[in-house]
Every structure is written in C-alpha cells, then in structure tokens.
Amino acid sequence: MEIFAAAVLFVNALFNVVVWPRFYPRIADDARATDAHGKRTAFYRVHVILIASAIVLAAVSVVAGVLVLL
C-alpha cells in the first residue's frame, strides 16, 4: 500500500510540473491579462497563483512520496 501511495504522489507531482506551466504562455498572451494601460489584471494574477500553487503542491508531493517510502 505504501508503494501505491508513493506512486500516486509521484504521478501527481509529474502531472503538475508537466501540465500547469504550459498554460503560462497562453495566459500571458491572453487579451484579458492586461488592461487598456498595459497593466496586469486580476485574471493574470489569479492564473499565475494557480500555476505557482500547482508547482508547490508538486514539490510537497515529491517530499511526501519519499517520506512514505522511508
């Protein structure tokens, strides 16, 4: 059961690292990412926070997976 739990955590980490950062270029280029004056909008900030959270969760998942195996 521990190996299964560690595998799930590692797959979760891999998914988050591979999938989420790929959204950044699309978000940055989206018309909703900047206002009329060129400043970043809440749309941009929220999505950057989502991507950063996914990367942090990936790191936590790797650490937890390693700890489960120890």
PDB file of N, CA and C in Angstrom:
ATOM      1  N   MET A   1       0.822  -1.211   0.000  1.00  0.00           N
ATOM      2  CA  MET A   1       0.000   0.000   0.000  1.00  0.00           C
ATOM      3  C   MET A   1       0.863   1.271   0.000  1.00  0.00           C
ATOM      4  N   GLU A   2       2.006   1.194   0.681  1.00  0.00           N
ATOM      5  CA  GLU A   2       2.873   2.370   0.727  1.00  0.00           C
ATOM      6  C   GLU A   2       3.450   2.699  -0.648  1.00  0.00           C
ATOM      7  N   ILE A   3       3.778   1.663  -1.395  1.00  0.00           N
ATOM      8  CA  ILE A   3       4.321   1.886  -2.740  1.00  0.00           C
ATOM      9  C   ILE A   3       3.261   2.520  -3.630  1.00  0.00           C
ATOM     10  N   PHE A   4       2.017   2.079  -3.493  1.00  0.00           N
ATOM     11  CA  PHE A   4       0.925   2.675  -4.268  1.00  0.00           C
ATOM     12  C   PHE A   4       0.749   4.150  -3.909  1.00  0.00           C
ATOM     13  N   ALA A   5       0.768   4.463  -2.605  1.00  0.00           N
ATOM     14  CA  ALA A   5       0.623   5.853  -2.162  1.00  0.00           C
ATOM     15  C   ALA A   5       1.761   6.715  -2.702  1.00  0.00           C
ATOM     16  N   ALA A   6       2.980   6.205  -2.645  1.00  0.00           N
ATOM     17  CA  ALA A   6       4.124   6.958  -3.159  1.00  0.00           C
ATOM     18  C   ALA A   6       3.999   7.151  -4.665  1.00  0.00           C
ATOM     19  N   ALA A   7       3.561   6.104  -5.372  1.00  0.00           N
ATOM     20  CA  ALA A   7       3.395   6.221  -6.826  1.00  0.00           C
ATOM     21  C   ALA A   7       2.359   7.275  -7.180  1.00  0.00           C
ATOM     22  N   VAL A   8       1.249   7.307  -6.448  1.00  0.00           N
ATOM     23  CA  VAL A   8       0.213   8.318  -6.693  1.00  0.00           C
ATOM     24  C   VAL A   8       0.778   9.722  -6.460  1.00  0.00           C
ATOM     25  N   LEU A   9       1.545   9.887  -5.400  1.00  0.00           N
ATOM     26  CA  LEU A   9       2.145  11.195  -5.119  1.00  0.00           C
ATOM     27  C   LEU A   9       3.135  11.606  -6.205  1.00  0.00           C
ATOM     28  N   PHE A  10       3.939  10.655  -6.694  1.00  0.00           N
ATOM     29  CA  PHE A  10       4.900  10.973  -7.750  1.00  0.00           C
ATOM     30  C   PHE A  10       4.198  11.292  -9.076  1.00  0.00           C
ATOM     31  N   VAL A  11       3.155  10.568  -9.384  1.00  0.00           N
ATOM     32  CA  VAL A  11       2.393  10.848 -10.614  1.00  0.00           C
ATOM     33  C   VAL A  11       1.737  12.223 -10.513  1.00  0.00           C
ATOM     34  N   ASN A  12       1.204  12.539  -9.338  1.00  0.00           N
ATOM     35  CA  ASN A  12       0.607  13.864  -9.127  1.00  0.00           C
ATOM     36  C   ASN A  12       1.650  14.962  -9.341  1.00  0.00           C
ATOM     37  N   ALA A  13       2.829  14.762  -8.792  1.00  0.00           N
ATOM     38  CA  ALA A  13       3.895  15.758  -8.947  1.00  0.00           C
ATOM     39  C   ALA A  13       4.285  15.907 -10.410  1.00  0.00           C
ATOM     40  N   LEU A  14       4.440  14.795 -11.088  1.00  0.00           N
ATOM     41  CA  LEU A  14       4.799  14.841 -12.505  1.00  0.00           C
ATOM     42  C   LEU A  14       3.734  15.568 -13.326  1.00  0.00           C
ATOM     43  N   PHE A  15       2.480  15.253 -13.082  1.00  0.00           N
ATOM     44  CA  PHE A  15       1.388  15.909 -13.784  1.00  0.00           C
ATOM     45  C   PHE A  15       1.431  17.427 -13.569  1.00  0.00           C
ATOM     46  N   ASN A  16       1.567  17.841 -12.324  1.00  0.00           N
ATOM     47  CA  ASN A  16       1.571  19.276 -12.021  1.00  0.00           C
ATOM     48  C   ASN A  16       2.745  20.003 -12.671  1.00  0.00           C
ATOM     49  N   VAL A  17       3.896  19.359 -12.709  1.00  0.00           N
ATOM     50  CA  VAL A  17       5.077  20.009 -13.285  1.00  0.00           C
ATOM     51  C   VAL A  17       5.004  20.053 -14.805  1.00  0.00           C
ATOM     52  N   VAL A  18       4.403  19.040 -15.409  1.00  0.00           N
ATOM     53  CA  VAL A  18       4.344  18.983 -16.870  1.00  0.00           C
ATOM     54  C   VAL A  18       3.198  19.819 -17.425  1.00  0.00           C
ATOM     55  N   VAL A  19       2.034  19.745 -16.802  1.00  0.00           N
ATOM     56  CA  VAL A  19       0.829  20.344 -17.385  1.00  0.00           C
ATOM     57  C   VAL A  19       0.668  21.822 -17.051  1.00  0.00           C
ATOM     58  N   TRP A  20       0.746  22.186 -15.802  1.00  0.00           N
ATOM     59  CA  TRP A  20       0.399  23.553 -15.416  1.00  0.00           C
ATOM     60  C   TRP A  20       1.284  24.644 -16.006  1.00  0.00           C
ATOM     61  N   PRO A  21       2.602  24.500 -15.999  1.00  0.00           N
ATOM     62  CA  PRO A  21       3.426  25.583 -16.571  1.00  0.00           C
ATOM     63  C   PRO A  21       3.164  25.840 -18.053  1.00  0.00           C
ATOM     64  N   ARG A  22       2.661  24.861 -18.760  1.00  0.00           N
ATOM     65  CA  ARG A  22       2.388  25.051 -20.192  1.00  0.00           C
ATOM     66  C   ARG A  22       1.265  26.064 -20.430  1.00  0.00           C
ATOM     67  N   PHE A  23       0.457  26.335 -19.424  1.00  0.00           N
ATOM     68  CA  PHE A  23      -0.626  27.302 -19.569  1.00  0.00           C
ATOM     69  C   PHE A  23      -0.120  28.752 -19.499  1.00  0.00           C
ATOM     70  N   TYR A  24       1.057  28.955 -18.892  1.00  0.00           N
ATOM     71  CA  TYR A  24       1.524  30.320 -18.688  1.00  0.00           C
ATOM     72  C   TYR A  24       1.624  31.134 -19.977  1.00  0.00           C
ATOM     73  N   PRO A  25       2.237  30.633 -21.047  1.00  0.00           N
ATOM     74  CA  PRO A  25       2.318  31.460 -22.264  1.00  0.00           C
ATOM     75  C   PRO A  25       0.939  31.866 -22.797  1.00  0.00           C
ATOM     76  N   ARG A  26      -0.016  30.954 -22.713  1.00  0.00           N
ATOM     77  CA  ARG A  26      -1.361  31.300 -23.192  1.00  0.00           C
ATOM     78  C   ARG A  26      -2.010  32.361 -22.315  1.00  0.00           C
ATOM     79  N   ILE A  27      -1.796  32.248 -21.014  1.00  0.00           N
ATOM     80  CA  ILE A  27      -2.373  33.230 -20.091  1.00  0.00           C
ATOM     81  C   ILE A  27      -1.712  34.591 -20.298  1.00  0.00           C
ATOM     82  N   ALA A  28      -0.395  34.607 -20.425  1.00  0.00           N
ATOM     83  CA  ALA A  28       0.333  35.869 -20.601  1.00  0.00           C
ATOM     84  C   ALA A  28      -0.061  36.572 -21.893  1.00  0.00           C
ATOM     85  N   ASP A  29      -0.381  35.795 -22.942  1.00  0.00           N
ATOM     86  CA  ASP A  29      -0.751  36.389 -24.232  1.00  0.00           C
ATOM     87  C   ASP A  29      -2.241  36.694 -24.347  1.00  0.00           C
ATOM     88  N   ASP A  30      -3.030  36.253 -23.395  1.00  0.00           N
ATOM     89  CA  ASP A  30      -4.474  36.467 -23.449  1.00  0.00           C
ATOM     90  C   ASP A  30      -4.793  37.963 -23.309  1.00  0.00           C
ATOM     91  N   ALA A  31      -5.774  38.419 -24.055  1.00  0.00           N
ATOM     92  CA  ALA A  31      -6.162  39.837 -24.003  1.00  0.00           C
ATOM     93  C   ALA A  31      -6.646  40.240 -22.618  1.00  0.00           C
ATOM     94  N   ARG A  32      -7.167  39.295 -21.856  1.00  0.00           N
ATOM     95  CA  ARG A  32      -7.664  39.607 -20.508  1.00  0.00           C
ATOM     96  C   ARG A  32      -6.542  39.757 -19.495  1.00  0.00           C
ATOM     97  N   ALA A  33      -5.309  39.452 -19.868  1.00  0.00           N
ATOM     98  CA  ALA A  33      -4.181  39.511 -18.941  1.00  0.00           C
ATOM     99  C   ALA A  33      -3.697  40.929 -18.692  1.00  0.00           C
ATOM    100  N   THR A  34      -4.023  41.853 -19.592  1.00  0.00           N
ATOM    101  CA  THR A  34      -3.624  43.249 -19.407  1.00  0.00           C
ATOM    102  C   THR A  34      -4.824  44.157 -19.638  1.00  0.00           C
ATOM    103  N   ASP A  35      -4.775  45.308 -18.969  1.00  0.00           N
ATOM    104  CA  ASP A  35      -5.853  46.276 -19.177  1.00  0.00           C
ATOM    105  C   ASP A  35      -5.462  47.236 -20.304  1.00  0.00           C
ATOM    106  N   ALA A  36      -6.232  48.282 -20.479  1.00  0.00           N
ATOM    107  CA  ALA A  36      -6.006  49.240 -21.567  1.00  0.00           C
ATOM    108  C   ALA A  36      -4.670  49.983 -21.431  1.00  0.00           C
ATOM    109  N   HIS A  37      -4.152  50.044 -20.197  1.00  0.00           N
ATOM    110  CA  HIS A  37      -2.898  50.749 -19.947  1.00  0.00           C
ATOM    111  C   HIS A  37      -1.696  49.808 -19.931  1.00  0.00           C
ATOM    112  N   GLY A  38      -1.928  48.528 -20.186  1.00  0.00           N
ATOM    113  CA  GLY A  38      -0.839  47.559 -20.220  1.00  0.00           C
ATOM    114  C   GLY A  38      -0.502  46.936 -18.877  1.00  0.00           C
ATOM    115  N   LYS A  39      -1.266  47.268 -17.833  1.00  0.00           N
ATOM    116  CA  LYS A  39      -1.020  46.686 -16.514  1.00  0.00           C
ATOM    117  C   LYS A  39      -1.653  45.303 -16.438  1.00  0.00           C
ATOM    118  N   ARG A  40      -1.016  44.423 -15.664  1.00  0.00           N
ATOM    119  CA  ARG A  40      -1.560  43.073 -15.476  1.00  0.00           C
ATOM    120  C   ARG A  40      -2.863  43.144 -14.686  1.00  0.00           C
ATOM    121  N   THR A  41      -3.787  42.263 -15.037  1.00  0.00           N
ATOM    122  CA  THR A  41      -5.108  42.255 -14.433  1.00  0.00           C
ATOM    123  C   THR A  41      -5.227  41.130 -13.400  1.00  0.00           C
ATOM    124  N   ALA A  42      -6.381  41.112 -12.731  1.00  0.00           N
ATOM    125  CA  ALA A  42      -6.662  40.053 -11.768  1.00  0.00           C
ATOM    126  C   ALA A  42      -6.690  38.692 -12.467  1.00  0.00           C
ATOM    127  N   PHE A  43      -7.161  38.651 -13.696  1.00  0.00           N
ATOM    128  CA  PHE A  43      -7.164  37.410 -14.481  1.00  0.00           C
ATOM    129  C   PHE A  43      -5.760  36.821 -14.537  1.00  0.00           C
ATOM    130  N   TYR A  44      -4.795  37.632 -14.837  1.00  0.00           N
ATOM    131  CA  TYR A  44      -3.403  37.187 -14.931  1.00  0.00           C
ATOM    132  C   TYR A  44      -2.888  36.732 -13.570  1.00  0.00           C
ATOM    133  N   ARG A  45      -3.096  37.565 -12.548  1.00  0.00           N
ATOM    134  CA  ARG A  45      -2.585  37.251 -11.212  1.00  0.00           C
ATOM    135  C   ARG A  45      -3.170  35.956 -10.665  1.00  0.00           C
ATOM    136  N   VAL A  46      -4.456  35.755 -10.835  1.00  0.00           N
ATOM    137  CA  VAL A  46      -5.102  34.540 -10.339  1.00  0.00           C
ATOM    138  C   VAL A  46      -4.514  33.306 -11.012  1.00  0.00           C
ATOM    139  N   HIS A  47      -4.312  33.371 -12.305  1.00  0.00           N
ATOM    140  CA  HIS A  47      -3.783  32.210 -13.011  1.00  0.00           C
ATOM    141  C   HIS A  47      -2.318  31.946 -12.676  1.00  0.00           C
ATOM    142  N   VAL A  48      -1.558  32.979 -12.462  1.00  0.00           N
ATOM    143  CA  VAL A  48      -0.167  32.790 -12.040  1.00  0.00           C
ATOM    144  C   VAL A  48      -0.129  32.155 -10.645  1.00  0.00           C
ATOM    145  N   ILE A  49      -1.025  32.570  -9.765  1.00  0.00           N
ATOM    146  CA  ILE A  49      -1.103  31.967  -8.428  1.00  0.00           C
ATOM    147  C   ILE A  49      -1.504  30.498  -8.531  1.00  0.00           C
ATOM    148  N   LEU A  50      -2.425  30.166  -9.425  1.00  0.00           N
ATOM    149  CA  LEU A  50      -2.816  28.769  -9.622  1.00  0.00           C
ATOM    150  C   LEU A  50      -1.623  27.930 -10.095  1.00  0.00           C
ATOM    151  N   ILE A  51      -0.871  28.448 -11.026  1.00  0.00           N
ATOM    152  CA  ILE A  51       0.295  27.715 -11.539  1.00  0.00           C
ATOM    153  C   ILE A  51       1.347  27.552 -10.440  1.00  0.00           C
ATOM    154  N   ALA A  52       1.606  28.620  -9.699  1.00  0.00           N
ATOM    155  CA  ALA A  52       2.585  28.543  -8.613  1.00  0.00           C
ATOM    156  C   ALA A  52       2.131  27.550  -7.540  1.00  0.00           C
ATOM    157  N   SER A  53       0.850  27.543  -7.238  1.00  0.00           N
ATOM    158  CA  SER A  53       0.321  26.595  -6.255  1.00  0.00           C
ATOM    159  C   SER A  53       0.496  25.159  -6.723  1.00  0.00           C
ATOM    160  N   ALA A  54       0.276  24.916  -8.005  1.00  0.00           N
ATOM    161  CA  ALA A  54       0.448  23.573  -8.552  1.00  0.00           C
ATOM    162  C   ALA A  54       1.900  23.122  -8.443  1.00  0.00           C
ATOM    163  N   ILE A  55       2.840  24.029  -8.662  1.00  0.00           N
ATOM    164  CA  ILE A  55       4.260  23.682  -8.557  1.00  0.00           C
ATOM    165  C   ILE A  55       4.633  23.397  -7.103  1.00  0.00           C
ATOM    166  N   VAL A  56       4.113  24.196  -6.188  1.00  0.00           N
ATOM    167  CA  VAL A  56       4.363  23.949  -4.760  1.00  0.00           C
ATOM    168  C   VAL A  56       3.780  22.604  -4.351  1.00  0.00           C
ATOM    169  N   LEU A  57       2.559  22.304  -4.798  1.00  0.00           N
ATOM    170  CA  LEU A  57       1.950  21.010  -4.495  1.00  0.00           C
ATOM    171  C   LEU A  57       2.768  19.862  -5.084  1.00  0.00           C
ATOM    172  N   ALA A  58       3.364  20.069  -6.232  1.00  0.00           N
ATOM    173  CA  ALA A  58       4.223  19.043  -6.824  1.00  0.00           C
ATOM    174  C   ALA A  58       5.433  18.786  -5.931  1.00  0.00           C
ATOM    175  N   ALA A  59       6.034  19.840  -5.439  1.00  0.00           N
ATOM    176  CA  ALA A  59       7.191  19.681  -4.552  1.00  0.00           C
ATOM    177  C   ALA A  59       6.797  18.964  -3.264  1.00  0.00           C
ATOM    178  N   VAL A  60       5.671  19.344  -2.704  1.00  0.00           N
ATOM    179  CA  VAL A  60       5.182  18.697  -1.478  1.00  0.00           C
ATOM    180  C   VAL A  60       4.872  17.227  -1.744  1.00  0.00           C
ATOM    181  N   SER A  61       4.317  16.936  -2.902  1.00  0.00           N
ATOM    182  CA  SER A  61       4.003  15.547  -3.254  1.00  0.00           C
ATOM    183  C   SER A  61       5.265  14.702  -3.369  1.00  0.00           C
ATOM    184  N   VAL A  62       6.306  15.254  -3.953  1.00  0.00           N
ATOM    185  CA  VAL A  62       7.568  14.513  -4.064  1.00  0.00           C
ATOM    186  C   VAL A  62       8.136  14.239  -2.681  1.00  0.00           C
ATOM    187  N   VAL A  63       8.156  15.252  -1.836  1.00  0.00           N
ATOM    188  CA  VAL A  63       8.675  15.059  -0.477  1.00  0.00           C
ATOM    189  C   VAL A  63       7.841  14.027   0.273  1.00  0.00           C
ATOM    190  N   ALA A  64       6.526  14.123   0.176  1.00  0.00           N
ATOM    191  CA  ALA A  64       5.656  13.166   0.854  1.00  0.00           C
ATOM    192  C   ALA A  64       5.862  11.760   0.296  1.00  0.00           C
ATOM    193  N   GLY A  65       6.022  11.643  -1.013  1.00  0.00           N
ATOM    194  CA  GLY A  65       6.269  10.326  -1.623  1.00  0.00           C
ATOM    195  C   GLY A  65       7.552   9.699  -1.130  1.00  0.00           C
ATOM    196  N   VAL A  66       8.591  10.501  -1.011  1.00  0.00           N
ATOM    197  CA  VAL A  66       9.863   9.993  -0.497  1.00  0.00           C
ATOM    198  C   VAL A  66       9.703   9.572   0.956  1.00  0.00           C
ATOM    199  N   LEU A  67       9.023  10.389   1.755  1.00  0.00           N
ATOM    200  CA  LEU A  67       8.823  10.057   3.171  1.00  0.00           C
ATOM    201  C   LEU A  67       7.994   8.797   3.351  1.00  0.00           C
ATOM    202  N   VAL A  68       7.022   8.574   2.476  1.00  0.00           N
ATOM    203  CA  VAL A  68       6.210   7.360   2.552  1.00  0.00           C
ATOM    204  C   VAL A  68       7.087   6.135   2.309  1.00  0.00           C
ATOM    205  N   LEU A  69       8.045   6.257   1.415  1.00  0.00           N
ATOM    206  CA  LEU A  69       8.908   5.124   1.094  1.00  0.00           C
ATOM    207  C   LEU A  69       9.962   4.848   2.155  1.00  0.00           C
ATOM    208  N   LEU A  70      10.270   5.820   2.982  1.00  0.00           N
ATOM    209  CA  LEU A  70      11.305   5.620   4.028  1.00  0.00           C
ATOM    210  C   LEU A  70      10.783   4.824   5.199  1.00  0.00           C
TER     211      LEU A  70
END
